[in-house]
C-alpha atoms as a PDB file:
ATOM      1  CA  MET A   1      86.876 120.579 168.729  1.00  0.00           C
ATOM      2  CA  ARG A   2      83.740 122.350 167.519  1.00  0.00           C
ATOM      3  CA  SER A   3      83.857 126.030 166.675  1.00  0.00           C
ATOM      4  CA  SER A   4      80.998 126.723 169.086  1.00  0.00           C
ATOM      5  CA  ASN A   5      83.172 125.527 171.983  1.00  0.00           C
ATOM      6  CA  LEU A   6      86.226 127.506 170.976  1.00  0.00           C
ATOM      7  CA  VAL A   7      87.205 129.867 173.785  1.00  0.00           C
ATOM      8  CA  GLU A   8      90.041 132.300 173.347  1.00  0.00           C
ATOM      9  CA  PRO A   9      92.715 131.639 175.987  1.00  0.00           C
ATOM     10  CA  ASN A  10      94.302 134.170 178.306  1.00  0.00           C
ATOM     11  CA  LEU A  11      97.185 135.830 176.491  1.00  0.00           C
ATOM     12  CA  VAL A  12     100.413 137.497 177.592  1.00  0.00           C
ATOM     13  CA  GLY A  13     103.061 139.412 175.704  1.00  0.00           C
ATOM     14  CA  LYS A  14     102.826 141.861 172.817  1.00  0.00           C
ATOM     15  CA  GLU A  15     104.178 139.380 170.250  1.00  0.00           C
ATOM     16  CA  ILE A  16     100.956 137.394 169.944  1.00  0.00           C
ATOM     17  CA  ILE A  17      98.879 140.588 169.640  1.00  0.00           C
ATOM     18  CA  HIS A  18     101.075 141.887 166.804  1.00  0.00           C
ATOM     19  CA  ALA A  19     101.147 138.488 165.095  1.00  0.00           C
ATOM     20  CA  SER A  20      97.372 138.066 165.277  1.00  0.00           C
ATOM     21  CA  ARG A  21      96.752 141.545 163.841  1.00  0.00           C
ATOM     22  CA  LYS A  22      99.173 140.881 161.009  1.00  0.00           C
ATOM     23  CA  LEU A  23      97.600 137.523 160.159  1.00  0.00           C
ATOM     24  CA  VAL A  24      94.030 138.831 160.443  1.00  0.00           C
ATOM     25  CA  ASN A  25      94.981 141.506 157.895  1.00  0.00           C
ATOM     26  CA  PHE A  26      96.467 138.801 155.649  1.00  0.00           C
ATOM     27  CA  VAL A  27      93.295 136.734 155.879  1.00  0.00           C
ATOM     28  CA  VAL A  28      90.934 139.626 155.136  1.00  0.00           C
ATOM     29  CA  ALA A  29      93.103 140.926 152.287  1.00  0.00           C
ATOM     30  CA  HIS A  30      92.955 137.544 150.542  1.00  0.00           C
ATOM     31  CA  LYS A  31      89.367 136.564 151.325  1.00  0.00           C
ATOM     32  CA  ASP A  32      88.426 136.601 147.628  1.00  0.00           C
ATOM     33  CA  ASN A  33      91.109 134.100 146.589  1.00  0.00           C
ATOM     34  CA  LYS A  34      90.320 130.455 145.637  1.00  0.00           C
ATOM     35  CA  PRO A  35      91.507 129.661 148.327  1.00  0.00           C
ATOM     36  CA  TYR A  36      94.368 131.497 150.003  1.00  0.00           C
ATOM     37  CA  LYS A  37      96.449 129.271 152.292  1.00  0.00           C
ATOM     38  CA  LEU A  38      98.240 130.372 155.474  1.00  0.00           C
ATOM     39  CA  ALA A  39     100.303 128.314 157.909  1.00  0.00           C
ATOM     40  CA  ILE A  40     101.375 128.773 161.531  1.00  0.00           C
ATOM     41  CA  VAL A  41     104.474 126.666 162.168  1.00  0.00           C
ATOM     42  CA  GLY A  42     106.382 125.890 165.358  1.00  0.00           C
ATOM     43  CA  THR A  43     107.419 123.201 167.798  1.00  0.00           C
ATOM     44  CA  GLY A  44     104.925 121.437 170.080  1.00  0.00           C
ATOM     45  CA  GLY A  45     103.584 123.603 172.897  1.00  0.00           C
ATOM     46  CA  VAL A  46     104.926 126.855 171.468  1.00  0.00           C
ATOM     47  CA  GLY A  47     101.500 128.460 171.061  1.00  0.00           C
ATOM     48  CA  LYS A  48     100.380 127.750 167.472  1.00  0.00           C
ATOM     49  CA  THR A  49      96.823 126.851 168.447  1.00  0.00           C
ATOM     50  CA  THR A  50      96.575 129.819 170.823  1.00  0.00           C
ATOM     51  CA  LEU A  51      97.482 132.202 167.994  1.00  0.00           C
ATOM     52  CA  ALA A  52      95.074 130.476 165.605  1.00  0.00           C
ATOM     53  CA  GLN A  53      92.271 130.813 168.196  1.00  0.00           C
ATOM     54  CA  LYS A  54      92.996 134.521 168.528  1.00  0.00           C
ATOM     55  CA  ILE A  55      92.627 134.916 164.750  1.00  0.00           C
ATOM     56  CA  TYR A  56      89.546 132.675 164.524  1.00  0.00           C
ATOM     57  CA  ASN A  57      87.720 134.676 167.205  1.00  0.00           C
ATOM     58  CA  ASP A  58      88.546 138.078 165.699  1.00  0.00           C
ATOM     59  CA  GLN A  59      85.410 140.083 164.883  1.00  0.00           C
ATOM     60  CA  GLN A  60      86.874 141.204 161.567  1.00  0.00           C
ATOM     61  CA  ILE A  61      87.219 137.548 160.552  1.00  0.00           C
ATOM     62  CA  LYS A  62      83.688 136.766 161.753  1.00  0.00           C
ATOM     63  CA  GLY A  63      82.290 139.529 159.569  1.00  0.00           C
ATOM     64  CA  SER A  64      84.301 138.718 156.444  1.00  0.00           C
ATOM     65  CA  PHE A  65      83.215 135.128 155.754  1.00  0.00           C
ATOM     66  CA  LYS A  66      79.853 133.381 155.419  1.00  0.00           C
ATOM     67  CA  ILE A  67      81.187 130.077 156.743  1.00  0.00           C
ATOM     68  CA  HIS A  68      83.637 129.406 159.608  1.00  0.00           C
ATOM     69  CA  ALA A  69      84.935 126.021 160.733  1.00  0.00           C
ATOM     70  CA  TRP A  70      87.625 124.857 163.164  1.00  0.00           C
ATOM     71  CA  ILE A  71      88.780 121.251 162.804  1.00  0.00           C
ATOM     72  CA  CYS A  72      91.312 119.431 164.993  1.00  0.00           C
ATOM     73  CA  VAL A  73      92.995 116.978 162.628  1.00  0.00           C
ATOM     74  CA  SER A  74      95.488 115.024 164.818  1.00  0.00           C
ATOM     75  CA  GLN A  75      97.787 112.216 163.678  1.00  0.00           C
ATOM     76  CA  ASP A  76      95.284 109.407 163.169  1.00  0.00           C
ATOM     77  CA  TYR A  77      92.218 111.159 161.808  1.00  0.00           C
ATOM     78  CA  ASN A  78      89.376 109.264 160.166  1.00  0.00           C
ATOM     79  CA  GLU A  79      88.449 110.664 156.730  1.00  0.00           C
ATOM     80  CA  VAL A  80      84.686 110.118 157.022  1.00  0.00           C
ATOM     81  CA  THR A  81      84.605 111.510 160.569  1.00  0.00           C
ATOM     82  CA  LEU A  82      86.625 114.565 159.541  1.00  0.00           C
ATOM     83  CA  LEU A  83      84.383 115.325 156.541  1.00  0.00           C
ATOM     84  CA  LYS A  84      81.313 115.000 158.744  1.00  0.00           C
ATOM     85  CA  GLU A  85      82.934 117.266 161.323  1.00  0.00           C
ATOM     86  CA  VAL A  86      83.443 119.963 158.674  1.00  0.00           C
ATOM     87  CA  LEU A  87      79.805 119.639 157.580  1.00  0.00           C
ATOM     88  CA  VAL A  88      78.487 119.798 161.159  1.00  0.00           C
ATOM     89  CA  ASN A  89      80.667 122.868 161.803  1.00  0.00           C
ATOM     90  CA  ILE A  90      79.045 124.687 158.880  1.00  0.00           C
ATOM     91  CA  GLY A  91      75.549 123.746 159.989  1.00  0.00           C
ATOM     92  CA  VAL A  92      74.780 120.681 157.863  1.00  0.00           C
ATOM     93  CA  HIS A  93      72.861 117.844 159.529  1.00  0.00           C
ATOM     94  CA  ASP A  94      74.880 114.670 160.013  1.00  0.00           C
ATOM     95  CA  GLU A  95      73.142 111.735 158.306  1.00  0.00           C
ATOM     96  CA  GLN A  96      73.919 108.107 159.092  1.00  0.00           C
ATOM     97  CA  GLY A  97      75.454 105.853 156.446  1.00  0.00           C
ATOM     98  CA  GLU A  98      76.997 108.526 154.264  1.00  0.00           C
ATOM     99  CA  THR A  99      80.184 107.321 152.562  1.00  0.00           C
ATOM    100  CA  LYS A 100      83.523 108.937 151.841  1.00  0.00           C
ATOM    101  CA  GLY A 101      82.446 109.224 148.195  1.00  0.00           C
ATOM    102  CA  GLU A 102      79.223 111.115 149.008  1.00  0.00           C
ATOM    103  CA  LEU A 103      80.520 113.531 151.635  1.00  0.00           C
ATOM    104  CA  PRO A 104      82.935 115.634 149.481  1.00  0.00           C
ATOM    105  CA  LYS A 105      80.144 116.272 146.960  1.00  0.00           C
ATOM    106  CA  LYS A 106      77.801 117.286 149.771  1.00  0.00           C
ATOM    107  CA  LEU A 107      80.467 119.642 151.138  1.00  0.00           C
ATOM    108  CA  ALA A 108      81.061 121.202 147.695  1.00  0.00           C
ATOM    109  CA  GLU A 109      77.332 121.765 147.171  1.00  0.00           C
ATOM    110  CA  THR A 110      76.874 123.278 150.620  1.00  0.00           C
ATOM    111  CA  ILE A 111      79.758 125.715 150.356  1.00  0.00           C
ATOM    112  CA  GLU A 112      79.319 126.722 146.703  1.00  0.00           C
ATOM    113  CA  GLY A 113      79.114 130.476 146.278  1.00  0.00           C
ATOM    114  CA  LYS A 114      79.888 131.152 149.954  1.00  0.00           C
ATOM    115  CA  SER A 115      83.121 132.521 151.350  1.00  0.00           C
ATOM    116  CA  PHE A 116      84.769 130.320 153.985  1.00  0.00           C
ATOM    117  CA  PHE A 117      87.442 130.477 156.681  1.00  0.00           C
ATOM    118  CA  LEU A 118      88.679 127.009 157.602  1.00  0.00           C
ATOM    119  CA  VAL A 119      91.233 126.223 160.314  1.00  0.00           C
ATOM    120  CA  LEU A 120      92.937 122.823 160.238  1.00  0.00           C
ATOM    121  CA  ASP A 121      94.630 122.584 163.615  1.00  0.00           C
ATOM    122  CA  ASP A 122      97.496 120.172 164.351  1.00  0.00           C
ATOM    123  CA  VAL A 123      98.088 118.819 160.842  1.00  0.00           C
ATOM    124  CA  TRP A 124     100.515 115.893 160.565  1.00  0.00           C
ATOM    125  CA  LYS A 125      99.760 114.770 157.009  1.00  0.00           C
ATOM    126  CA  SER A 126      99.366 117.026 153.977  1.00  0.00           C
ATOM    127  CA  ILE A 127      96.922 114.596 152.360  1.00  0.00           C
ATOM    128  CA  VAL A 128      94.152 115.902 154.620  1.00  0.00           C
ATOM    129  CA  TRP A 129      94.148 118.860 152.215  1.00  0.00           C
ATOM    130  CA  THR A 130      95.612 117.507 148.977  1.00  0.00           C
ATOM    131  CA  ASP A 131      93.572 114.280 148.847  1.00  0.00           C
ATOM    132  CA  LEU A 132      90.509 115.031 150.968  1.00  0.00           C
ATOM    133  CA  LEU A 133      89.461 118.696 151.187  1.00  0.00           C
ATOM    134  CA  ARG A 134      91.106 120.436 148.234  1.00  0.00           C
ATOM    135  CA  THR A 135      88.700 119.165 145.556  1.00  0.00           C
ATOM    136  CA  PRO A 136      85.404 120.055 147.297  1.00  0.00           C
ATOM    137  CA  LEU A 137      86.712 123.446 148.476  1.00  0.00           C
ATOM    138  CA  HIS A 138      89.063 124.605 145.741  1.00  0.00           C
ATOM    139  CA  GLY A 139      86.756 125.279 142.839  1.00  0.00           C
ATOM    140  CA  THR A 140      83.501 126.110 144.550  1.00  0.00           C
ATOM    141  CA  SER A 141      84.074 129.389 146.390  1.00  0.00           C
ATOM    142  CA  ALA A 142      86.549 131.950 147.665  1.00  0.00           C
ATOM    143  CA  GLY A 143      88.061 131.479 151.083  1.00  0.00           C
ATOM    144  CA  VAL A 144      91.066 131.133 153.335  1.00  0.00           C
ATOM    145  CA  LEU A 145      92.633 127.994 154.780  1.00  0.00           C
ATOM    146  CA  LEU A 146      94.699 128.364 157.968  1.00  0.00           C
ATOM    147  CA  VAL A 147      96.865 125.381 158.949  1.00  0.00           C
ATOM    148  CA  THR A 148      98.810 124.847 162.169  1.00  0.00           C
ATOM    149  CA  THR A 149     101.615 122.295 162.009  1.00  0.00           C
ATOM    150  CA  ARG A 150     105.048 121.417 163.383  1.00  0.00           C
ATOM    151  CA  ASP A 151     106.401 120.393 159.975  1.00  0.00           C
ATOM    152  CA  ASP A 152     107.661 122.781 157.280  1.00  0.00           C
ATOM    153  CA  GLN A 153     107.393 120.012 154.689  1.00  0.00           C
ATOM    154  CA  ILE A 154     103.629 119.880 155.172  1.00  0.00           C
ATOM    155  CA  THR A 155     103.287 123.576 154.321  1.00  0.00           C
ATOM    156  CA  LYS A 156     105.247 123.002 151.094  1.00  0.00           C
ATOM    157  CA  ARG A 157     103.101 120.042 150.065  1.00  0.00           C
ATOM    158  CA  ILE A 158      99.899 121.949 150.794  1.00  0.00           C
ATOM    159  CA  GLY A 159     101.267 124.927 148.875  1.00  0.00           C
ATOM    160  CA  VAL A 160     100.747 127.659 151.455  1.00  0.00           C
ATOM    161  CA  HIS A 161     101.189 131.245 150.303  1.00  0.00           C
ATOM    162  CA  HIS A 162     102.405 132.639 153.621  1.00  0.00           C
ATOM    163  CA  THR A 163     104.016 130.976 156.669  1.00  0.00           C
ATOM    164  CA  HIS A 164     104.179 132.515 160.132  1.00  0.00           C
ATOM    165  CA  ARG A 165     106.665 130.948 162.526  1.00  0.00           C
ATOM    166  CA  VAL A 166     105.965 131.000 166.276  1.00  0.00           C
ATOM    167  CA  ASP A 167     109.121 131.235 168.380  1.00  0.00           C
ATOM    168  CA  PRO A 168     109.514 130.284 172.055  1.00  0.00           C
ATOM    169  CA  MET A 169     108.660 132.996 174.578  1.00  0.00           C
ATOM    170  CA  SER A 170     111.158 135.533 175.815  1.00  0.00           C
ATOM    171  CA  VAL A 171     112.232 135.242 179.454  1.00  0.00           C
ATOM    172  CA  ASP A 172     110.118 138.199 180.592  1.00  0.00           C
ATOM    173  CA  VAL A 173     106.964 137.032 178.812  1.00  0.00           C
ATOM    174  CA  GLY A 174     107.484 133.470 180.075  1.00  0.00           C
ATOM    175  CA  TRP A 175     107.802 134.741 183.643  1.00  0.00           C
ATOM    176  CA  GLU A 176     104.623 136.835 183.172  1.00  0.00           C
ATOM    177  CA  LEU A 177     102.765 133.767 181.905  1.00  0.00           C
ATOM    178  CA  LEU A 178     103.986 131.716 184.886  1.00  0.00           C
ATOM    179  CA  TRP A 179     102.689 134.057 187.594  1.00  0.00           C
ATOM    180  CA  LYS A 180      99.499 135.030 185.763  1.00  0.00           C
ATOM    181  CA  SER A 181      98.641 131.346 185.233  1.00  0.00           C
ATOM    182  CA  MET A 182      98.801 130.972 189.022  1.00  0.00           C
ATOM    183  CA  ASN A 183      96.037 133.601 189.365  1.00  0.00           C
ATOM    184  CA  VAL A 184      98.432 136.084 190.946  1.00  0.00           C
ATOM    185  CA  ASN A 185      97.073 139.597 190.382  1.00  0.00           C
ATOM    186  CA  GLU A 186     100.239 141.689 190.633  1.00  0.00           C
ATOM    187  CA  GLU A 187     103.863 140.869 189.818  1.00  0.00           C
ATOM    188  CA  LYS A 188     104.925 142.635 193.015  1.00  0.00           C
ATOM    189  CA  ASP A 189     103.275 139.787 194.966  1.00  0.00           C
ATOM    190  CA  VAL A 190     105.838 137.357 193.538  1.00  0.00           C
ATOM    191  CA  GLN A 191     108.757 139.700 192.854  1.00  0.00           C
ATOM    192  CA  ASN A 192     110.910 137.815 195.389  1.00  0.00           C
ATOM    193  CA  LEU A 193     110.429 134.639 193.301  1.00  0.00           C
ATOM    194  CA  ARG A 194     111.399 136.169 189.945  1.00  0.00           C
ATOM    195  CA  ASN A 195     114.889 134.602 189.727  1.00  0.00           C
ATOM    196  CA  LEU A 196     113.542 131.141 190.544  1.00  0.00           C
ATOM    197  CA  GLY A 197     110.682 131.717 188.121  1.00  0.00           C
ATOM    198  CA  ILE A 198     113.103 132.569 185.334  1.00  0.00           C
ATOM    199  CA  GLU A 199     114.994 129.331 186.053  1.00  0.00           C
ATOM    200  CA  ILE A 200     111.715 127.460 185.666  1.00  0.00           C
ATOM    201  CA  VAL A 201     111.007 129.257 182.363  1.00  0.00           C
ATOM    202  CA  HIS A 202     114.433 128.170 181.072  1.00  0.00           C
ATOM    203  CA  LYS A 203     113.774 124.610 182.255  1.00  0.00           C
ATOM    204  CA  CYS A 204     110.460 124.648 180.358  1.00  0.00           C
ATOM    205  CA  GLY A 205     112.273 125.554 177.146  1.00  0.00           C
ATOM    206  CA  HIS A 206     110.371 128.893 177.018  1.00  0.00           C
ATOM    207  CA  LEU A 207     107.328 126.931 175.775  1.00  0.00           C
ATOM    208  CA  PRO A 208     103.905 128.285 176.889  1.00  0.00           C
ATOM    209  CA  LEU A 209     102.310 124.866 177.369  1.00  0.00           C
ATOM    210  CA  ALA A 210     105.129 123.646 179.614  1.00  0.00           C
ATOM    211  CA  ILE A 211     105.033 126.900 181.609  1.00  0.00           C
ATOM    212  CA  LYS A 212     101.252 126.687 182.103  1.00  0.00           C
ATOM    213  CA  VAL A 213     101.404 123.071 183.236  1.00  0.00           C
ATOM    214  CA  THR A 214     104.232 123.878 185.651  1.00  0.00           C
ATOM    215  CA  SER A 215     102.256 126.804 187.068  1.00  0.00           C
ATOM    216  CA  SER A 216      99.324 124.461 187.774  1.00  0.00           C
ATOM    217  CA  ALA A 217     101.670 122.344 189.896  1.00  0.00           C
ATOM    218  CA  LEU A 218     102.859 125.440 191.771  1.00  0.00           C
ATOM    219  CA  VAL A 219      99.476 127.042 192.336  1.00  0.00           C
ATOM    220  CA  ASN A 220      98.710 125.189 195.593  1.00  0.00           C
ATOM    221  CA  ARG A 221     102.097 125.904 197.107  1.00  0.00           C
ATOM    222  CA  ASP A 222     103.009 128.843 199.306  1.00  0.00           C
ATOM    223  CA  LEU A 223     104.529 131.850 197.540  1.00  0.00           C
ATOM    224  CA  THR A 224     107.805 131.568 199.423  1.00  0.00           C
ATOM    225  CA  GLU A 225     111.343 131.109 198.152  1.00  0.00           C
ATOM    226  CA  ASN A 226     111.923 128.012 200.300  1.00  0.00           C
ATOM    227  CA  GLU A 227     108.742 126.336 199.024  1.00  0.00           C
ATOM    228  CA  TRP A 228     109.601 127.028 195.376  1.00  0.00           C
ATOM    229  CA  LYS A 229     113.216 125.860 195.884  1.00  0.00           C
ATOM    230  CA  ARG A 230     111.953 122.632 197.430  1.00  0.00           C
ATOM    231  CA  PHE A 231     109.591 122.118 194.496  1.00  0.00           C
ATOM    232  CA  PHE A 232     112.168 122.982 191.842  1.00  0.00           C
ATOM    233  CA  GLY A 233     114.855 120.891 193.546  1.00  0.00           C
ATOM    234  CA  LYS A 234     112.800 117.716 193.031  1.00  0.00           C
ATOM    235  CA  TYR A 235     113.142 118.040 189.263  1.00  0.00           C
ATOM    236  CA  ALA A 236     116.110 120.299 188.528  1.00  0.00           C
ATOM    237  CA  GLY A 237     118.657 117.494 188.572  1.00  0.00           C
ATOM    238  CA  SER A 238     116.663 115.104 186.386  1.00  0.00           C
ATOM    239  CA  ARG A 239     117.840 115.545 182.800  1.00  0.00           C
ATOM    240  CA  CYS A 240     115.611 112.850 181.327  1.00  0.00           C
ATOM    241  CA  MET A 241     112.482 114.457 182.743  1.00  0.00           C
ATOM    242  CA  PHE A 242     113.132 117.698 180.932  1.00  0.00           C
ATOM    243  CA  SER A 243     114.724 116.331 177.754  1.00  0.00           C
ATOM    244  CA  ASN A 244     111.317 116.891 176.226  1.00  0.00           C
ATOM    245  CA  GLU A 245     110.016 120.078 177.864  1.00  0.00           C
ATOM    246  CA  ILE A 246     106.332 119.308 177.356  1.00  0.00           C
ATOM    247  CA  GLU A 247     106.469 115.709 178.581  1.00  0.00           C
ATOM    248  CA  GLY A 248     108.643 116.791 181.480  1.00  0.00           C
ATOM    249  CA  ALA A 249     106.264 119.526 182.597  1.00  0.00           C
ATOM    250  CA  LEU A 250     103.255 117.252 182.193  1.00  0.00           C
ATOM    251  CA  TYR A 251     104.958 114.579 184.297  1.00  0.00           C
ATOM    252  CA  LEU A 252     105.836 117.185 186.898  1.00  0.00           C
ATOM    253  CA  SER A 253     102.172 118.196 187.149  1.00  0.00           C
ATOM    254  CA  TYR A 254     101.092 114.543 187.302  1.00  0.00           C
ATOM    255  CA  ASP A 255     103.666 113.774 189.994  1.00  0.00           C
ATOM    256  CA  GLU A 256     102.087 116.394 192.271  1.00  0.00           C
ATOM    257  CA  LEU A 257      98.660 114.678 192.210  1.00  0.00           C
ATOM    258  CA  PRO A 258      97.424 112.480 195.086  1.00  0.00           C
ATOM    259  CA  HIS A 259      97.527 108.749 194.275  1.00  0.00           C
ATOM    260  CA  SER A 260      93.758 108.461 193.694  1.00  0.00           C
ATOM    261  CA  LEU A 261      93.808 111.350 191.209  1.00  0.00           C
ATOM    262  CA  LYS A 262      96.759 109.829 189.363  1.00  0.00           C
ATOM    263  CA  GLN A 263      94.622 106.777 188.628  1.00  0.00           C
ATOM    264  CA  CYS A 264      91.778 108.986 187.384  1.00  0.00           C
ATOM    265  CA  PHE A 265      94.136 110.996 185.182  1.00  0.00           C
ATOM    266  CA  LEU A 266      95.739 107.920 183.606  1.00  0.00           C
ATOM    267  CA  TYR A 267      92.303 106.447 182.920  1.00  0.00           C
ATOM    268  CA  CYS A 268      91.698 109.298 180.461  1.00  0.00           C
ATOM    269  CA  ALA A 269      94.422 107.816 178.234  1.00  0.00           C
ATOM    270  CA  LEU A 270      91.856 105.177 177.201  1.00  0.00           C
ATOM    271  CA  TYR A 271      90.071 107.864 175.169  1.00  0.00           C
ATOM    272  CA  ILE A 272      91.350 108.380 171.622  1.00  0.00           C
ATOM    273  CA  GLU A 273      93.020 111.682 170.730  1.00  0.00           C
ATOM    274  CA  HIS A 274      90.675 114.715 170.449  1.00  0.00           C
ATOM    275  CA  SER A 275      87.625 112.723 171.573  1.00  0.00           C
ATOM    276  CA  VAL A 276      85.155 114.408 173.925  1.00  0.00           C
ATOM    277  CA  ILE A 277      85.461 113.321 177.563  1.00  0.00           C
ATOM    278  CA  ARG A 278      82.091 113.893 179.224  1.00  0.00           C
ATOM    279  CA  ARG A 279      82.432 114.752 182.895  1.00  0.00           C
ATOM    280  CA  GLY A 280      79.421 112.821 184.193  1.00  0.00           C
ATOM    281  CA  GLU A 281      80.277 109.743 182.166  1.00  0.00           C
ATOM    282  CA  VAL A 282      83.941 109.530 183.125  1.00  0.00           C
ATOM    283  CA  THR A 283      83.071 110.166 186.786  1.00  0.00           C
ATOM    284  CA  ARG A 284      80.741 107.142 186.805  1.00  0.00           C
ATOM    285  CA  LEU A 285      83.468 105.060 185.160  1.00  0.00           C
ATOM    286  CA  TRP A 286      85.942 106.136 187.858  1.00  0.00           C
ATOM    287  CA  LEU A 287      83.426 105.110 190.512  1.00  0.00           C
ATOM    288  CA  ALA A 288      82.906 101.727 188.842  1.00  0.00           C
ATOM    289  CA  GLU A 289      86.671 101.141 188.785  1.00  0.00           C
ATOM    290  CA  GLY A 290      86.894 101.935 192.490  1.00  0.00           C
ATOM    291  CA  PHE A 291      89.175 104.959 191.970  1.00  0.00           C
ATOM    292  CA  VAL A 292      86.900 107.330 193.899  1.00  0.00           C
ATOM    293  CA  GLU A 293      85.996 106.459 197.460  1.00  0.00           C
ATOM    294  CA  GLU A 294      82.745 107.660 198.990  1.00  0.00           C
ATOM    295  CA  GLN A 295      83.214 110.347 201.612  1.00  0.00           C
ATOM    296  CA  GLN A 296      80.698 111.812 203.994  1.00  0.00           C
ATOM    297  CA  GLY A 297      79.318 115.037 202.478  1.00  0.00           C
END
């Protein structure tokens, strides 16, 4: 994910506003350190990346550092690709044939004397910092590193100075996220569905990602109690589907798709994690596979 494409998501609840203000103040207060390391920790789908985006897009952060970069790390990152991604993010032209040995030196030279704010999102291995980025960034300039991860052990190995833990949403905030994600303007329009909505929030483990995905499956249904009961009844009795809240909610959303769209959706699994899926390109591939039938108009 490139920083230029980073769009702050819609937010609900006061907790994320308070947390972002607190962490922005932490970042700015330690901008002259070499470097200061922060971590946002929590389970999958709990909102770590959303909070990090809120901080990254803050105008106070934008004005406090010369260089800003947002890097999605993922489980199976490539070292050369990641180093090049950092360089491209900070405005350095990507040259063909550069090796892992040359890139850290180039990064150190580029960033020397400049303050930086670097976000490493979705970190699964501490070596992305300890073995790859620490040397070119540590001694050259002042800055702040913000890491999002599910694993407390990673924060210890990286040596973070401050950890912020993101907890699952409260019932009220989860319910607010559910109806707002359905593009409902006023809670009064869905007040009769509140009890069912709260059941859905519980079933989603109070996790924002699961709630958002579930809302996308509900959005085309009528806002009636019978319709929501019929929808919820299909999944409420299935323990295995919701043993992992995120996978369960994603499956629920997938299950609501027409057959032709299911094929298109599953085709996207052929792309590696965090790769860019270009709309025009994947559409032509769907057509070539015969997934999309020509219709008049």
